[in-house]
Amino acid sequence: MRELYVLKIVDVTDPKRLDRGPDKTIVLMSSGNFMERGYEIRNIHLNRYLQAKDSRLGPYSLLTVYVETDKGSIEMTYDEGYRGENALEEAAAFLTSHLGISGLILRSIIQLENALEKHVQ
């Protein structure tokens, strides 16, 4: 029987940027009954971490997506930059209206599978 590892992966260039809680979160899915490639997707959150504020350009945001499965979770960069005050809401609207959530789920599962393979070896 294969041993089950539950991992938390942070796929952000500098994980120290996430040493605190997000400034704002939007829950994209929390049903816990969606399956993809043998993974039960439990939660998907889009997070905004304010990194800086420029008087001319406005807020610099790091947007991440957090995907929790039955075999581990991953938080990875979705977008970053000077995207305005409503960056999180605009990203959430785009994802939910353009089949973006399914792409995020697939990308997350691939990252988790790669991490699990490295962890087992």
N, C-alpha and C. Protein backbone atom coordinates (compact mmCIF):
# COMPACT_ATOMS: atom_id res chain seq x y z
N MET A 1 0.84 -1.19 0.00
CA MET A 1 0.00 0.00 0.00
C MET A 1 0.88 1.25 0.00
N ARG A 2 0.54 2.22 -0.82
CA ARG A 2 1.31 3.45 -0.91
C ARG A 2 1.07 4.32 0.32
N GLU A 3 2.15 4.81 0.89
CA GLU A 3 2.03 5.70 2.06
C GLU A 3 1.53 7.06 1.60
N LEU A 4 0.61 7.65 2.34
CA LEU A 4 0.02 8.92 1.98
C LEU A 4 0.79 10.05 2.66
N TYR A 5 1.22 11.01 1.87
CA TYR A 5 1.89 12.20 2.39
C TYR A 5 0.97 13.39 2.15
N VAL A 6 0.79 14.20 3.15
CA VAL A 6 0.03 15.42 3.00
C VAL A 6 1.02 16.56 3.08
N LEU A 7 1.18 17.26 1.99
CA LEU A 7 2.17 18.31 1.89
C LEU A 7 1.52 19.67 1.76
N LYS A 8 2.23 20.69 2.22
CA LYS A 8 1.84 22.07 1.92
C LYS A 8 2.98 22.67 1.12
N ILE A 9 2.69 23.00 -0.11
CA ILE A 9 3.67 23.53 -1.04
C ILE A 9 3.41 25.02 -1.21
N VAL A 10 4.47 25.83 -1.18
CA VAL A 10 4.36 27.25 -1.48
C VAL A 10 5.21 27.49 -2.72
N ASP A 11 4.56 27.81 -3.82
CA ASP A 11 5.23 28.02 -5.09
C ASP A 11 5.22 29.50 -5.43
N VAL A 12 5.99 30.26 -4.67
CA VAL A 12 6.11 31.70 -4.86
C VAL A 12 7.61 31.98 -4.88
N THR A 13 8.05 32.88 -5.75
CA THR A 13 9.47 33.16 -5.91
C THR A 13 10.18 33.34 -4.57
N ASP A 14 9.61 34.14 -3.69
CA ASP A 14 10.18 34.35 -2.35
C ASP A 14 9.09 34.06 -1.32
N PRO A 15 9.07 32.83 -0.75
CA PRO A 15 8.01 32.47 0.20
C PRO A 15 7.90 33.40 1.42
N LYS A 16 8.95 34.16 1.73
CA LYS A 16 8.89 35.11 2.85
C LYS A 16 7.82 36.18 2.62
N ARG A 17 7.46 36.39 1.36
CA ARG A 17 6.43 37.37 1.05
C ARG A 17 5.06 36.93 1.58
N LEU A 18 4.94 35.67 1.96
CA LEU A 18 3.68 35.12 2.47
C LEU A 18 3.77 34.79 3.96
N ASP A 19 4.72 35.38 4.66
CA ASP A 19 4.92 35.09 6.08
C ASP A 19 3.78 35.59 6.97
N ARG A 20 2.85 36.28 6.41
CA ARG A 20 1.70 36.79 7.16
C ARG A 20 0.44 36.37 6.42
N GLY A 21 -0.67 36.57 7.03
CA GLY A 21 -1.93 36.26 6.37
C GLY A 21 -2.20 37.21 5.22
N PRO A 22 -3.03 36.81 4.28
CA PRO A 22 -3.36 37.70 3.17
C PRO A 22 -4.15 38.91 3.64
N ASP A 23 -4.03 39.98 2.89
CA ASP A 23 -4.79 41.19 3.20
C ASP A 23 -6.26 41.04 2.84
N LYS A 24 -6.53 40.19 1.86
CA LYS A 24 -7.91 39.93 1.47
C LYS A 24 -7.96 38.57 0.77
N THR A 25 -9.07 37.87 0.96
CA THR A 25 -9.27 36.55 0.35
C THR A 25 -10.66 36.47 -0.26
N ILE A 26 -10.74 35.84 -1.42
CA ILE A 26 -12.02 35.51 -2.03
C ILE A 26 -12.07 34.00 -2.19
N VAL A 27 -13.11 33.37 -1.66
CA VAL A 27 -13.29 31.93 -1.79
C VAL A 27 -13.90 31.66 -3.16
N LEU A 28 -13.21 30.87 -3.97
CA LEU A 28 -13.70 30.53 -5.30
C LEU A 28 -14.46 29.21 -5.30
N MET A 29 -14.08 28.31 -4.38
CA MET A 29 -14.77 27.02 -4.28
C MET A 29 -14.51 26.44 -2.90
N SER A 30 -15.53 25.88 -2.29
CA SER A 30 -15.35 25.25 -0.98
C SER A 30 -16.26 24.04 -0.82
N SER A 31 -16.56 23.39 -1.91
CA SER A 31 -17.51 22.28 -1.85
C SER A 31 -16.91 20.99 -1.33
N GLY A 32 -15.67 20.72 -1.67
CA GLY A 32 -15.04 19.49 -1.20
C GLY A 32 -15.50 18.24 -1.91
N ASN A 33 -16.19 18.35 -3.02
CA ASN A 33 -16.65 17.14 -3.70
C ASN A 33 -16.29 17.12 -5.18
N PHE A 34 -15.27 17.84 -5.56
CA PHE A 34 -14.82 17.90 -6.94
C PHE A 34 -13.56 17.04 -7.08
N MET A 35 -13.55 16.14 -8.04
CA MET A 35 -12.40 15.25 -8.24
C MET A 35 -11.67 15.62 -9.53
N GLU A 36 -10.34 15.61 -9.47
CA GLU A 36 -9.50 15.85 -10.64
C GLU A 36 -8.26 14.97 -10.52
N ARG A 37 -8.09 14.04 -11.47
CA ARG A 37 -6.93 13.16 -11.54
C ARG A 37 -6.69 12.42 -10.21
N GLY A 38 -7.75 12.02 -9.54
CA GLY A 38 -7.63 11.28 -8.30
C GLY A 38 -7.46 12.13 -7.05
N TYR A 39 -7.56 13.43 -7.18
CA TYR A 39 -7.46 14.35 -6.05
C TYR A 39 -8.84 14.93 -5.76
N GLU A 40 -9.21 14.95 -4.49
CA GLU A 40 -10.45 15.62 -4.10
C GLU A 40 -10.10 17.08 -3.82
N ILE A 41 -10.68 17.98 -4.60
CA ILE A 41 -10.44 19.41 -4.42
C ILE A 41 -11.39 19.90 -3.35
N ARG A 42 -10.83 20.40 -2.26
CA ARG A 42 -11.66 20.81 -1.12
C ARG A 42 -11.92 22.31 -1.08
N ASN A 43 -10.91 23.11 -1.33
CA ASN A 43 -11.05 24.56 -1.26
C ASN A 43 -10.15 25.22 -2.29
N ILE A 44 -10.63 26.34 -2.81
CA ILE A 44 -9.81 27.20 -3.68
C ILE A 44 -10.05 28.63 -3.23
N HIS A 45 -8.97 29.30 -2.87
CA HIS A 45 -9.04 30.70 -2.45
C HIS A 45 -8.11 31.53 -3.33
N LEU A 46 -8.50 32.74 -3.61
CA LEU A 46 -7.65 33.71 -4.27
C LEU A 46 -7.27 34.72 -3.20
N ASN A 47 -5.97 34.94 -3.01
CA ASN A 47 -5.48 35.81 -1.94
C ASN A 47 -4.75 37.02 -2.51
N ARG A 48 -4.86 38.14 -1.78
CA ARG A 48 -4.13 39.35 -2.14
C ARG A 48 -3.22 39.73 -0.98
N TYR A 49 -1.94 39.89 -1.29
CA TYR A 49 -0.95 40.37 -0.34
C TYR A 49 -0.45 41.71 -0.86
N LEU A 50 -0.75 42.79 -0.15
CA LEU A 50 -0.24 44.10 -0.54
C LEU A 50 1.25 44.14 -0.23
N GLN A 51 2.04 44.47 -1.23
CA GLN A 51 3.49 44.47 -1.08
C GLN A 51 4.06 45.87 -0.91
N ALA A 52 3.43 46.84 -1.56
CA ALA A 52 3.90 48.23 -1.51
C ALA A 52 2.80 49.13 -2.04
N LYS A 53 2.98 50.42 -1.84
CA LYS A 53 2.02 51.38 -2.40
C LYS A 53 2.82 52.56 -2.92
N ASP A 54 2.59 52.89 -4.16
CA ASP A 54 3.26 54.01 -4.81
C ASP A 54 2.24 55.13 -4.95
N SER A 55 2.67 56.36 -4.69
CA SER A 55 1.74 57.48 -4.74
C SER A 55 1.19 57.71 -6.14
N ARG A 56 1.93 57.33 -7.16
CA ARG A 56 1.47 57.51 -8.54
C ARG A 56 0.84 56.25 -9.12
N LEU A 57 1.44 55.08 -8.85
CA LEU A 57 0.98 53.83 -9.46
C LEU A 57 -0.07 53.09 -8.63
N GLY A 58 -0.17 53.41 -7.36
CA GLY A 58 -1.13 52.74 -6.49
C GLY A 58 -0.53 51.51 -5.82
N PRO A 59 -1.37 50.58 -5.40
CA PRO A 59 -0.89 49.41 -4.66
C PRO A 59 -0.23 48.37 -5.58
N TYR A 60 0.85 47.78 -5.05
CA TYR A 60 1.51 46.65 -5.72
C TYR A 60 1.02 45.40 -5.01
N SER A 61 0.33 44.54 -5.75
CA SER A 61 -0.29 43.36 -5.16
C SER A 61 0.36 42.08 -5.65
N LEU A 62 0.50 41.13 -4.74
CA LEU A 62 0.85 39.75 -5.08
C LEU A 62 -0.44 38.96 -4.91
N LEU A 63 -0.95 38.40 -6.02
CA LEU A 63 -2.15 37.58 -5.98
C LEU A 63 -1.73 36.12 -6.04
N THR A 64 -2.23 35.34 -5.10
CA THR A 64 -1.92 33.90 -5.08
C THR A 64 -3.22 33.12 -5.12
N VAL A 65 -3.10 31.88 -5.56
CA VAL A 65 -4.22 30.96 -5.49
C VAL A 65 -3.81 29.85 -4.53
N TYR A 66 -4.71 29.52 -3.64
CA TYR A 66 -4.50 28.45 -2.66
C TYR A 66 -5.47 27.32 -3.00
N VAL A 67 -4.94 26.13 -3.26
CA VAL A 67 -5.77 24.97 -3.59
C VAL A 67 -5.49 23.90 -2.55
N GLU A 68 -6.55 23.47 -1.88
CA GLU A 68 -6.43 22.42 -0.86
C GLU A 68 -7.08 21.15 -1.41
N THR A 69 -6.34 20.03 -1.32
CA THR A 69 -6.86 18.74 -1.76
C THR A 69 -6.76 17.75 -0.60
N ASP A 70 -7.24 16.55 -0.83
CA ASP A 70 -7.13 15.51 0.18
C ASP A 70 -5.71 15.00 0.34
N LYS A 71 -4.81 15.34 -0.59
CA LYS A 71 -3.43 14.84 -0.54
C LYS A 71 -2.41 15.93 -0.30
N GLY A 72 -2.84 17.15 -0.13
CA GLY A 72 -1.93 18.26 0.12
C GLY A 72 -2.52 19.56 -0.37
N SER A 73 -1.81 20.63 -0.09
CA SER A 73 -2.26 21.94 -0.52
C SER A 73 -1.10 22.68 -1.16
N ILE A 74 -1.44 23.65 -1.99
CA ILE A 74 -0.44 24.45 -2.66
C ILE A 74 -0.92 25.89 -2.74
N GLU A 75 -0.01 26.81 -2.51
CA GLU A 75 -0.29 28.23 -2.73
C GLU A 75 0.73 28.71 -3.73
N MET A 76 0.24 29.24 -4.85
CA MET A 76 1.14 29.65 -5.91
C MET A 76 0.75 31.01 -6.46
N THR A 77 1.72 31.66 -7.06
CA THR A 77 1.50 32.97 -7.64
C THR A 77 0.50 32.89 -8.78
N TYR A 78 -0.46 33.78 -8.77
CA TYR A 78 -1.39 33.91 -9.89
C TYR A 78 -1.00 35.14 -10.72
N ASP A 79 -0.75 36.26 -10.05
CA ASP A 79 -0.39 37.50 -10.75
C ASP A 79 0.25 38.43 -9.73
N GLU A 80 0.98 39.42 -10.23
CA GLU A 80 1.47 40.46 -9.34
C GLU A 80 1.79 41.70 -10.13
N GLY A 81 1.77 42.81 -9.43
CA GLY A 81 2.09 44.08 -10.05
C GLY A 81 1.17 45.18 -9.57
N TYR A 82 1.29 46.33 -10.22
CA TYR A 82 0.42 47.46 -9.93
C TYR A 82 -0.89 47.24 -10.70
N ARG A 83 -1.85 46.62 -10.06
CA ARG A 83 -3.08 46.22 -10.72
C ARG A 83 -4.31 47.01 -10.25
N GLY A 84 -4.10 47.99 -9.40
CA GLY A 84 -5.21 48.82 -8.94
C GLY A 84 -5.81 48.32 -7.64
N GLU A 85 -6.75 49.10 -7.14
CA GLU A 85 -7.39 48.82 -5.85
C GLU A 85 -8.25 47.55 -5.88
N ASN A 86 -8.80 47.20 -7.03
CA ASN A 86 -9.72 46.07 -7.14
C ASN A 86 -9.09 44.86 -7.83
N ALA A 87 -7.79 44.69 -7.67
CA ALA A 87 -7.08 43.62 -8.37
C ALA A 87 -7.65 42.24 -8.04
N LEU A 88 -7.94 42.00 -6.79
CA LEU A 88 -8.44 40.69 -6.37
C LEU A 88 -9.82 40.41 -6.96
N GLU A 89 -10.70 41.37 -6.86
CA GLU A 89 -12.06 41.21 -7.38
C GLU A 89 -12.06 41.02 -8.90
N GLU A 90 -11.21 41.75 -9.60
CA GLU A 90 -11.13 41.62 -11.06
C GLU A 90 -10.57 40.26 -11.46
N ALA A 91 -9.57 39.78 -10.73
CA ALA A 91 -9.01 38.46 -11.02
C ALA A 91 -10.04 37.37 -10.75
N ALA A 92 -10.78 37.48 -9.66
CA ALA A 92 -11.81 36.49 -9.34
C ALA A 92 -12.90 36.49 -10.40
N ALA A 93 -13.32 37.66 -10.85
CA ALA A 93 -14.35 37.75 -11.89
C ALA A 93 -13.86 37.11 -13.19
N PHE A 94 -12.61 37.34 -13.54
CA PHE A 94 -12.05 36.74 -14.75
C PHE A 94 -12.02 35.21 -14.64
N LEU A 95 -11.53 34.72 -13.50
CA LEU A 95 -11.42 33.27 -13.31
C LEU A 95 -12.77 32.57 -13.34
N THR A 96 -13.76 33.16 -12.74
CA THR A 96 -15.06 32.50 -12.66
C THR A 96 -15.87 32.65 -13.94
N SER A 97 -15.50 33.57 -14.82
CA SER A 97 -16.27 33.74 -16.04
C SER A 97 -15.57 33.18 -17.29
N HIS A 98 -14.36 32.68 -17.15
CA HIS A 98 -13.61 32.21 -18.32
C HIS A 98 -13.00 30.82 -18.14
N LEU A 99 -13.61 29.96 -17.37
CA LEU A 99 -13.11 28.61 -17.13
C LEU A 99 -11.70 28.59 -16.54
N GLY A 100 -11.30 29.66 -15.91
CA GLY A 100 -9.96 29.74 -15.34
C GLY A 100 -9.75 28.85 -14.13
N ILE A 101 -10.81 28.55 -13.39
CA ILE A 101 -10.67 27.71 -12.20
C ILE A 101 -10.20 26.31 -12.59
N SER A 102 -10.70 25.76 -13.68
CA SER A 102 -10.28 24.42 -14.06
C SER A 102 -8.80 24.41 -14.43
N GLY A 103 -8.30 25.47 -15.05
CA GLY A 103 -6.87 25.57 -15.34
C GLY A 103 -6.04 25.66 -14.08
N LEU A 104 -6.52 26.42 -13.09
CA LEU A 104 -5.82 26.52 -11.81
C LEU A 104 -5.76 25.17 -11.11
N ILE A 105 -6.87 24.44 -11.15
CA ILE A 105 -6.92 23.13 -10.50
C ILE A 105 -5.92 22.20 -11.16
N LEU A 106 -5.90 22.15 -12.47
CA LEU A 106 -4.98 21.25 -13.17
C LEU A 106 -3.53 21.62 -12.89
N ARG A 107 -3.21 22.92 -12.94
CA ARG A 107 -1.84 23.37 -12.64
C ARG A 107 -1.44 22.99 -11.21
N SER A 108 -2.35 23.14 -10.27
CA SER A 108 -2.09 22.80 -8.87
C SER A 108 -1.83 21.31 -8.69
N ILE A 109 -2.65 20.49 -9.33
CA ILE A 109 -2.50 19.04 -9.22
C ILE A 109 -1.15 18.60 -9.79
N ILE A 110 -0.77 19.17 -10.91
CA ILE A 110 0.53 18.82 -11.51
C ILE A 110 1.67 19.19 -10.55
N GLN A 111 1.61 20.37 -9.94
CA GLN A 111 2.63 20.79 -8.97
C GLN A 111 2.66 19.86 -7.76
N LEU A 112 1.48 19.48 -7.26
CA LEU A 112 1.42 18.57 -6.11
C LEU A 112 1.98 17.20 -6.46
N GLU A 113 1.64 16.69 -7.65
CA GLU A 113 2.17 15.38 -8.07
C GLU A 113 3.69 15.42 -8.15
N ASN A 114 4.25 16.49 -8.71
CA ASN A 114 5.70 16.62 -8.77
C ASN A 114 6.33 16.66 -7.39
N ALA A 115 5.71 17.39 -6.47
CA ALA A 115 6.24 17.46 -5.10
C ALA A 115 6.13 16.14 -4.39
N LEU A 116 5.03 15.41 -4.57
CA LEU A 116 4.88 14.10 -3.96
C LEU A 116 5.91 13.11 -4.48
N GLU A 117 6.18 13.15 -5.77
CA GLU A 117 7.19 12.25 -6.36
C GLU A 117 8.56 12.54 -5.75
N LYS A 118 8.92 13.80 -5.60
CA LYS A 118 10.21 14.17 -5.00
C LYS A 118 10.27 13.74 -3.54
N HIS A 119 9.15 13.88 -2.82
CA HIS A 119 9.10 13.56 -1.40
C HIS A 119 9.21 12.07 -1.16
N VAL A 120 8.65 11.26 -2.06
CA VAL A 120 8.65 9.80 -1.89
C VAL A 120 10.03 9.22 -2.21
N GLN A 121 10.77 9.85 -3.13
CA GLN A 121 12.08 9.32 -3.54
C GLN A 121 13.12 9.46 -2.48
